[in-house]
Amino acid sequence: MDEETQEDALLRAAELVGEALKETEARCGVIAQFINDCATRSPKTSPPSEMLRELSELHGHRARLLRRQGLIQEALDCAVGERPAPAPLPALPDRTATQTQRQVQVQRPRRRS
C-alpha cells in the first residue's frame, strides 16, 4: 500500500477546505437572500432571529475555513523540511482607546383588534 506524502495530504486537505468553503458560502447566500426577502416584503417585520444567528455562525465558520486554507497554502509553499519565513507578530490592540456601546430598543406597533 502506498504511503501518502505530506504534499499529497496537504493537497487533499486544501481540496476539502475548498469544498467546505463553497458549501458555506452557498448557504450564506441562501440565508442572506431569505433575510433580504423578509426585509423587502415587510420592512416592519424583522427576519427570524434563528436565521440571523445561523448567518452569523456561518460567517465565523467561513473565517475559520479561510484561515485554515491560508495555513495549508503556506505549508504547500514551503519545501519539505523547511520552516516558513518568520512573520512579525500582529501589533497588540490599543487598550487605552475606549469603545462606545449603544443600546437600541425597538418597539413594534401594537396590533389593533
N, C-alpha and C. Protein backbone atom coordinates (compact mmCIF):
# COMPACT_ATOMS: atom_id res chain seq x y z
N MET A 1 0.84 -1.17 0.00
CA MET A 1 0.00 0.00 0.00
C MET A 1 0.89 1.25 0.00
N ASP A 2 0.62 2.16 -0.89
CA ASP A 2 1.42 3.38 -0.99
C ASP A 2 1.11 4.30 0.18
N GLU A 3 2.19 4.87 0.71
CA GLU A 3 2.00 5.84 1.78
C GLU A 3 1.78 7.21 1.16
N GLU A 4 0.91 7.97 1.78
CA GLU A 4 0.60 9.30 1.31
C GLU A 4 1.71 10.26 1.73
N THR A 5 2.18 11.05 0.78
CA THR A 5 3.22 12.01 1.11
C THR A 5 2.60 13.21 1.82
N GLN A 6 3.45 14.00 2.42
CA GLN A 6 2.99 15.19 3.12
C GLN A 6 2.31 16.14 2.13
N GLU A 7 2.89 16.28 0.95
CA GLU A 7 2.31 17.18 -0.05
C GLU A 7 0.95 16.68 -0.52
N ASP A 8 0.81 15.36 -0.71
CA ASP A 8 -0.48 14.79 -1.12
C ASP A 8 -1.54 15.05 -0.05
N ALA A 9 -1.16 14.89 1.20
CA ALA A 9 -2.10 15.13 2.30
C ALA A 9 -2.52 16.60 2.35
N LEU A 10 -1.57 17.49 2.13
CA LEU A 10 -1.89 18.92 2.13
C LEU A 10 -2.80 19.28 0.96
N LEU A 11 -2.53 18.69 -0.21
CA LEU A 11 -3.36 18.96 -1.37
C LEU A 11 -4.78 18.46 -1.15
N ARG A 12 -4.89 17.28 -0.54
CA ARG A 12 -6.22 16.73 -0.24
C ARG A 12 -6.93 17.62 0.78
N ALA A 13 -6.20 18.07 1.79
CA ALA A 13 -6.78 18.96 2.80
C ALA A 13 -7.23 20.28 2.17
N ALA A 14 -6.43 20.81 1.25
CA ALA A 14 -6.79 22.05 0.57
C ALA A 14 -8.07 21.86 -0.24
N GLU A 15 -8.20 20.71 -0.87
CA GLU A 15 -9.40 20.41 -1.65
C GLU A 15 -10.63 20.33 -0.74
N LEU A 16 -10.49 19.65 0.39
CA LEU A 16 -11.61 19.52 1.33
C LEU A 16 -12.02 20.87 1.91
N VAL A 17 -11.04 21.69 2.25
CA VAL A 17 -11.35 23.02 2.78
C VAL A 17 -12.02 23.86 1.71
N GLY A 18 -11.56 23.74 0.46
CA GLY A 18 -12.18 24.48 -0.64
C GLY A 18 -13.64 24.09 -0.83
N GLU A 19 -13.93 22.79 -0.74
CA GLU A 19 -15.31 22.33 -0.87
C GLU A 19 -16.16 22.85 0.29
N ALA A 20 -15.64 22.77 1.49
CA ALA A 20 -16.38 23.25 2.66
C ALA A 20 -16.63 24.75 2.56
N LEU A 21 -15.66 25.48 2.03
CA LEU A 21 -15.81 26.91 1.86
C LEU A 21 -16.91 27.24 0.85
N LYS A 22 -16.95 26.50 -0.26
CA LYS A 22 -18.00 26.71 -1.27
C LYS A 22 -19.38 26.42 -0.68
N GLU A 23 -19.50 25.33 0.07
CA GLU A 23 -20.78 24.98 0.68
C GLU A 23 -21.22 26.05 1.69
N THR A 24 -20.27 26.52 2.48
CA THR A 24 -20.59 27.53 3.49
C THR A 24 -21.01 28.83 2.83
N GLU A 25 -20.29 29.24 1.79
CA GLU A 25 -20.65 30.48 1.09
C GLU A 25 -21.99 30.36 0.40
N ALA A 26 -22.30 29.18 -0.14
CA ALA A 26 -23.60 28.97 -0.77
C ALA A 26 -24.72 29.08 0.27
N ARG A 27 -24.51 28.47 1.43
CA ARG A 27 -25.51 28.54 2.49
C ARG A 27 -25.67 29.98 2.98
N CYS A 28 -24.57 30.71 3.09
CA CYS A 28 -24.64 32.13 3.48
C CYS A 28 -25.48 32.92 2.47
N GLY A 29 -25.27 32.63 1.19
CA GLY A 29 -26.02 33.32 0.14
C GLY A 29 -27.51 33.05 0.23
N VAL A 30 -27.88 31.80 0.49
CA VAL A 30 -29.30 31.44 0.59
C VAL A 30 -29.94 32.14 1.78
N ILE A 31 -29.26 32.10 2.92
CA ILE A 31 -29.82 32.73 4.12
C ILE A 31 -29.89 34.24 3.95
N ALA A 32 -28.85 34.84 3.37
CA ALA A 32 -28.86 36.30 3.16
C ALA A 32 -30.00 36.69 2.23
N GLN A 33 -30.26 35.89 1.21
CA GLN A 33 -31.36 36.18 0.29
C GLN A 33 -32.70 36.08 1.02
N PHE A 34 -32.84 35.07 1.87
CA PHE A 34 -34.07 34.92 2.67
C PHE A 34 -34.28 36.14 3.57
N ILE A 35 -33.21 36.55 4.24
CA ILE A 35 -33.30 37.72 5.13
C ILE A 35 -33.66 38.96 4.32
N ASN A 36 -33.05 39.13 3.16
CA ASN A 36 -33.35 40.26 2.29
C ASN A 36 -34.80 40.23 1.84
N ASP A 37 -35.29 39.06 1.48
CA ASP A 37 -36.68 38.93 1.05
C ASP A 37 -37.64 39.30 2.18
N CYS A 38 -37.31 38.88 3.40
CA CYS A 38 -38.14 39.24 4.56
C CYS A 38 -38.18 40.76 4.74
N ALA A 39 -37.04 41.38 4.59
CA ALA A 39 -36.95 42.83 4.79
C ALA A 39 -37.68 43.60 3.70
N THR A 40 -37.63 43.12 2.46
CA THR A 40 -38.28 43.85 1.37
C THR A 40 -39.78 43.59 1.35
N ARG A 41 -40.23 42.41 1.80
CA ARG A 41 -41.65 42.10 1.85
C ARG A 41 -42.37 42.98 2.85
N SER A 42 -41.81 43.08 4.01
CA SER A 42 -42.44 43.87 5.06
C SER A 42 -41.35 44.51 5.92
N PRO A 43 -41.04 45.76 5.65
CA PRO A 43 -39.95 46.43 6.39
C PRO A 43 -40.20 46.50 7.90
N LYS A 44 -41.44 46.36 8.32
CA LYS A 44 -41.75 46.47 9.75
C LYS A 44 -41.44 45.18 10.51
N THR A 45 -41.37 44.06 9.80
CA THR A 45 -41.07 42.81 10.48
C THR A 45 -39.60 42.47 10.31
N SER A 46 -39.03 41.92 11.32
CA SER A 46 -37.62 41.55 11.23
C SER A 46 -37.52 40.07 10.86
N PRO A 47 -36.42 39.69 10.22
CA PRO A 47 -36.24 38.27 9.87
C PRO A 47 -36.13 37.43 11.14
N PRO A 48 -36.45 36.16 11.04
CA PRO A 48 -36.36 35.29 12.23
C PRO A 48 -34.96 35.33 12.85
N SER A 49 -34.92 35.41 14.16
CA SER A 49 -33.63 35.54 14.84
C SER A 49 -32.74 34.32 14.62
N GLU A 50 -33.35 33.12 14.43
CA GLU A 50 -32.51 31.95 14.20
C GLU A 50 -31.78 32.04 12.86
N MET A 51 -32.39 32.74 11.89
CA MET A 51 -31.72 32.93 10.60
C MET A 51 -30.53 33.88 10.75
N LEU A 52 -30.73 34.93 11.51
CA LEU A 52 -29.64 35.88 11.75
C LEU A 52 -28.51 35.20 12.52
N ARG A 53 -28.88 34.38 13.49
CA ARG A 53 -27.89 33.67 14.30
C ARG A 53 -27.10 32.69 13.42
N GLU A 54 -27.83 31.96 12.56
CA GLU A 54 -27.15 30.99 11.69
C GLU A 54 -26.21 31.70 10.71
N LEU A 55 -26.65 32.83 10.19
CA LEU A 55 -25.79 33.58 9.26
C LEU A 55 -24.52 34.05 9.98
N SER A 56 -24.67 34.51 11.20
CA SER A 56 -23.51 34.94 11.98
C SER A 56 -22.56 33.77 12.23
N GLU A 57 -23.12 32.62 12.59
CA GLU A 57 -22.29 31.44 12.83
C GLU A 57 -21.59 30.99 11.55
N LEU A 58 -22.29 31.07 10.43
CA LEU A 58 -21.68 30.68 9.16
C LEU A 58 -20.54 31.62 8.77
N HIS A 59 -20.69 32.91 9.07
CA HIS A 59 -19.60 33.86 8.80
C HIS A 59 -18.37 33.52 9.63
N GLY A 60 -18.58 33.14 10.88
CA GLY A 60 -17.47 32.72 11.73
C GLY A 60 -16.81 31.46 11.21
N HIS A 61 -17.64 30.50 10.78
CA HIS A 61 -17.12 29.25 10.22
C HIS A 61 -16.33 29.54 8.94
N ARG A 62 -16.84 30.44 8.11
CA ARG A 62 -16.16 30.82 6.87
C ARG A 62 -14.80 31.44 7.17
N ALA A 63 -14.76 32.31 8.18
CA ALA A 63 -13.49 32.95 8.56
C ALA A 63 -12.47 31.90 9.01
N ARG A 64 -12.93 30.90 9.77
CA ARG A 64 -12.02 29.83 10.21
C ARG A 64 -11.54 28.99 9.03
N LEU A 65 -12.43 28.72 8.09
CA LEU A 65 -12.03 27.96 6.90
C LEU A 65 -10.99 28.73 6.07
N LEU A 66 -11.20 30.04 5.93
CA LEU A 66 -10.23 30.86 5.18
C LEU A 66 -8.87 30.86 5.87
N ARG A 67 -8.88 30.92 7.19
CA ARG A 67 -7.61 30.86 7.94
C ARG A 67 -6.92 29.53 7.71
N ARG A 68 -7.71 28.45 7.79
CA ARG A 68 -7.16 27.11 7.57
C ARG A 68 -6.62 26.98 6.16
N GLN A 69 -7.35 27.52 5.19
CA GLN A 69 -6.90 27.47 3.80
C GLN A 69 -5.57 28.20 3.63
N GLY A 70 -5.43 29.33 4.31
CA GLY A 70 -4.19 30.08 4.25
C GLY A 70 -3.02 29.31 4.85
N LEU A 71 -3.26 28.63 5.96
CA LEU A 71 -2.21 27.84 6.59
C LEU A 71 -1.79 26.66 5.71
N ILE A 72 -2.77 26.03 5.07
CA ILE A 72 -2.46 24.92 4.18
C ILE A 72 -1.64 25.42 3.00
N GLN A 73 -2.03 26.55 2.43
CA GLN A 73 -1.29 27.10 1.30
C GLN A 73 0.13 27.48 1.71
N GLU A 74 0.26 28.02 2.90
CA GLU A 74 1.60 28.38 3.41
C GLU A 74 2.46 27.13 3.54
N ALA A 75 1.86 26.04 4.01
CA ALA A 75 2.60 24.78 4.15
C ALA A 75 2.98 24.22 2.78
N LEU A 76 2.08 24.37 1.80
CA LEU A 76 2.38 23.89 0.44
C LEU A 76 3.50 24.70 -0.21
N ASP A 77 3.57 25.97 0.14
CA ASP A 77 4.59 26.85 -0.45
C ASP A 77 5.98 26.57 0.10
N CYS A 78 6.07 25.90 1.24
CA CYS A 78 7.36 25.59 1.84
C CYS A 78 7.88 24.26 1.31
N ALA A 79 9.17 24.18 1.12
CA ALA A 79 9.78 22.91 0.74
C ALA A 79 9.77 21.98 1.95
N VAL A 80 9.77 20.68 1.72
CA VAL A 80 9.75 19.71 2.80
C VAL A 80 10.96 19.93 3.70
N GLY A 81 10.73 19.99 5.00
CA GLY A 81 11.80 20.19 5.96
C GLY A 81 12.17 21.65 6.17
N GLU A 82 11.62 22.53 5.39
CA GLU A 82 11.91 23.96 5.51
C GLU A 82 10.85 24.62 6.37
N ARG A 83 11.25 25.56 7.19
CA ARG A 83 10.32 26.28 8.03
C ARG A 83 9.85 27.53 7.30
N PRO A 84 8.62 27.94 7.52
CA PRO A 84 8.14 29.17 6.88
C PRO A 84 8.91 30.38 7.41
N ALA A 85 9.00 31.38 6.58
CA ALA A 85 9.69 32.60 6.98
C ALA A 85 8.97 33.21 8.18
N PRO A 86 9.72 33.65 9.18
CA PRO A 86 9.06 34.21 10.35
C PRO A 86 8.34 35.51 9.98
N ALA A 87 7.09 35.56 10.37
CA ALA A 87 6.29 36.77 10.12
C ALA A 87 6.23 37.56 11.42
N PRO A 88 6.23 38.87 11.31
CA PRO A 88 6.13 39.66 12.53
C PRO A 88 4.78 39.42 13.20
N LEU A 89 4.79 39.43 14.52
CA LEU A 89 3.55 39.26 15.25
C LEU A 89 2.68 40.50 15.07
N PRO A 90 1.36 40.31 15.04
CA PRO A 90 0.49 41.49 14.89
C PRO A 90 0.61 42.39 16.11
N ALA A 91 0.44 43.68 15.89
CA ALA A 91 0.53 44.64 16.99
C ALA A 91 -0.60 44.40 17.98
N LEU A 92 -0.30 44.61 19.24
CA LEU A 92 -1.32 44.47 20.27
C LEU A 92 -2.35 45.59 20.12
N PRO A 93 -3.60 45.28 20.38
CA PRO A 93 -4.62 46.33 20.28
C PRO A 93 -4.40 47.40 21.35
N ASP A 94 -4.73 48.61 21.00
CA ASP A 94 -4.58 49.74 21.92
C ASP A 94 -5.68 49.65 22.98
N ARG A 95 -5.30 49.29 24.19
CA ARG A 95 -6.27 49.12 25.27
C ARG A 95 -6.74 50.45 25.85
N THR A 96 -6.04 51.54 25.50
CA THR A 96 -6.43 52.82 26.06
C THR A 96 -7.60 53.44 25.32
N ALA A 97 -7.79 53.00 24.07
CA ALA A 97 -8.90 53.55 23.30
C ALA A 97 -10.21 53.01 23.87
N THR A 98 -11.14 53.89 24.10
CA THR A 98 -12.42 53.47 24.65
C THR A 98 -13.39 53.18 23.52
N GLN A 99 -14.21 52.21 23.75
CA GLN A 99 -15.22 51.87 22.77
C GLN A 99 -16.58 52.25 23.34
N THR A 100 -17.35 52.92 22.52
CA THR A 100 -18.67 53.34 22.94
C THR A 100 -19.67 52.28 22.52
N GLN A 101 -20.51 51.91 23.44
CA GLN A 101 -21.57 50.97 23.12
C GLN A 101 -22.90 51.69 23.19
N ARG A 102 -23.74 51.34 22.24
CA ARG A 102 -25.07 51.93 22.23
C ARG A 102 -26.08 50.82 22.36
N GLN A 103 -27.10 51.11 23.10
CA GLN A 103 -28.18 50.15 23.25
C GLN A 103 -29.40 50.74 22.55
N VAL A 104 -29.96 49.95 21.67
CA VAL A 104 -31.11 50.40 20.90
C VAL A 104 -32.31 49.56 21.28
N GLN A 105 -33.41 50.22 21.51
CA GLN A 105 -34.63 49.50 21.84
C GLN A 105 -35.61 49.69 20.69
N VAL A 106 -36.10 48.58 20.20
CA VAL A 106 -37.03 48.62 19.08
C VAL A 106 -38.40 48.22 19.59
N GLN A 107 -39.38 49.02 19.26
CA GLN A 107 -40.74 48.70 19.68
C GLN A 107 -41.58 48.48 18.44
N ARG A 108 -42.36 47.44 18.48
CA ARG A 108 -43.27 47.16 17.38
C ARG A 108 -44.61 47.81 17.70
N PRO A 109 -45.26 48.37 16.69
CA PRO A 109 -46.57 48.96 16.96
C PRO A 109 -47.57 47.87 17.38
N ARG A 110 -48.45 48.24 18.26
CA ARG A 110 -49.45 47.28 18.72
C ARG A 110 -50.46 47.01 17.60
N ARG A 111 -50.87 45.78 17.55
CA ARG A 111 -51.88 45.41 16.56
C ARG A 111 -53.26 45.83 17.09
N ARG A 112 -54.04 46.32 16.20
CA ARG A 112 -55.39 46.70 16.56
C ARG A 112 -56.33 45.56 16.25
N SER A 113 -57.16 45.25 17.20
CA SER A 113 -58.10 44.13 17.02
C SER A 113 -59.44 44.62 16.50
